[in-house]
Amino acid sequence: MELLFVVLGGAIIGLAGRYLLPNRHTHGSVLIPAVGFVSSAVLWVALTWAGLKWDGGWIWWITLLGTALIVAVADLLIGRIRAANDERMLHALAKGAVAR
């Protein structure tokens, strides 16, 4: 049951990241919330396997703050890569070259 709550929290963090971070025009509307969902689940399971108790406070703080960090890094990295690829494609199309 706690895993359900933590992935819901991760999806909400991802949704907040979608609208609060600057690169939302460079990726789809579900990508960053999905990153939040998956990263919170993976962090929670890894911390559970590491021995943290699910009813303790540390596992919640580490999971939710780690998810927020992963969401922010993913948004910034995906946005930068996508903008560079779009710029390269624009130059290739302007030259008349076939871009792959």
Protein backbone atom coordinates (compact mmCIF):
# COMPACT_ATOMS: atom_id res chain seq x y z
CA MET A 1 0.00 0.00 0.00
CA GLU A 2 2.88 2.37 0.75
CA LEU A 3 4.32 1.75 -2.72
CA LEU A 4 1.04 3.00 -4.16
CA PHE A 5 1.30 6.19 -2.12
CA VAL A 6 4.93 6.78 -2.98
CA VAL A 7 4.40 6.35 -6.74
CA LEU A 8 1.41 8.68 -6.55
CA GLY A 9 3.70 11.19 -4.82
CA GLY A 10 6.30 10.64 -7.52
CA ALA A 11 3.75 11.24 -10.26
CA ILE A 12 2.62 14.44 -8.54
CA ILE A 13 6.24 15.59 -8.24
CA GLY A 14 6.71 14.81 -11.93
CA LEU A 15 3.54 16.70 -12.81
CA ALA A 16 4.75 19.70 -10.82
CA GLY A 17 8.11 19.44 -12.57
CA ARG A 18 6.34 19.39 -15.90
CA TYR A 19 4.80 22.79 -15.28
CA LEU A 20 7.44 24.43 -13.08
CA LEU A 21 10.59 23.58 -15.03
CA PRO A 22 11.49 25.51 -18.18
CA ASN A 23 11.67 22.85 -20.91
CA ARG A 24 8.09 21.64 -21.15
CA HIS A 25 7.85 22.62 -24.82
CA THR A 26 10.58 20.12 -25.75
CA HIS A 27 8.93 16.87 -24.68
CA GLY A 28 5.56 15.21 -24.32
CA SER A 29 3.10 15.96 -21.56
CA VAL A 30 3.42 12.57 -19.84
CA LEU A 31 7.19 12.03 -20.01
CA ILE A 32 8.27 13.90 -16.88
CA PRO A 33 5.39 12.63 -14.70
CA ALA A 34 6.28 9.11 -15.88
CA VAL A 35 9.91 9.72 -14.91
CA GLY A 36 8.69 10.77 -11.46
CA PHE A 37 6.47 7.69 -11.19
CA VAL A 38 9.17 5.22 -12.18
CA SER A 39 12.00 6.85 -10.24
CA SER A 40 9.99 6.95 -7.01
CA ALA A 41 9.11 3.26 -7.37
CA VAL A 42 12.72 2.27 -8.08
CA LEU A 43 14.08 4.38 -5.22
CA TRP A 44 11.49 3.01 -2.79
CA VAL A 45 12.20 -0.61 -3.67
CA ALA A 46 15.98 -0.08 -3.56
CA LEU A 47 15.75 1.57 -0.15
CA THR A 48 13.49 -1.18 1.11
CA TRP A 49 16.00 -3.79 -0.06
CA ALA A 50 18.73 -1.74 1.64
CA GLY A 51 16.96 -2.26 4.94
CA LEU A 52 15.06 0.96 5.54
CA LYS A 53 11.69 0.41 7.17
CA TRP A 54 8.65 1.51 5.19
CA ASP A 55 7.09 3.11 8.27
CA GLY A 56 10.17 5.23 9.01
CA GLY A 57 10.54 8.83 7.96
CA TRP A 58 13.89 8.56 6.20
CA ILE A 59 12.68 6.31 3.40
CA TRP A 60 9.94 8.80 2.56
CA TRP A 61 12.26 11.83 2.60
CA ILE A 62 14.97 10.13 0.56
CA THR A 63 12.50 8.79 -1.99
CA LEU A 64 10.55 11.99 -2.53
CA LEU A 65 13.56 14.32 -2.54
CA GLY A 66 15.48 11.91 -4.78
CA THR A 67 12.51 11.80 -7.13
CA ALA A 68 12.39 15.60 -7.28
CA LEU A 69 16.11 15.68 -8.10
CA ILE A 70 15.77 13.03 -10.81
CA VAL A 71 12.78 14.83 -12.34
CA ALA A 72 14.65 18.15 -12.44
CA VAL A 73 17.77 16.62 -13.97
CA ALA A 74 15.73 14.66 -16.53
CA ASP A 75 13.77 17.73 -17.61
CA LEU A 76 16.87 19.88 -17.98
CA LEU A 77 18.88 17.17 -19.76
CA ILE A 78 16.08 16.13 -22.14
CA GLY A 79 15.35 19.77 -22.93
CA ARG A 80 18.99 20.57 -23.70
CA ILE A 81 19.46 17.48 -25.89
CA ARG A 82 16.19 18.05 -27.72
CA ALA A 83 16.95 21.74 -28.40
CA ALA A 84 20.40 20.82 -29.77
CA ASN A 85 18.92 18.12 -32.00
CA ASP A 86 16.23 20.48 -33.27
CA GLU A 87 18.84 23.13 -34.06
CA ARG A 88 21.00 20.59 -35.91
CA MET A 89 17.97 19.39 -37.88
CA LEU A 90 17.01 22.96 -38.77
CA HIS A 91 20.50 23.65 -40.14
CA ALA A 92 20.49 20.41 -42.11
CA LEU A 93 17.09 21.20 -43.60
CA ALA A 94 18.13 24.77 -44.40
CA LYS A 95 21.14 23.44 -46.35
CA GLY A 96 18.94 21.02 -48.24
CA ALA A 97 20.72 18.00 -46.78
CA VAL A 98 18.83 14.88 -45.90
CA ALA A 99 18.93 14.53 -42.13
CA ARG A 100 18.76 11.16 -40.46
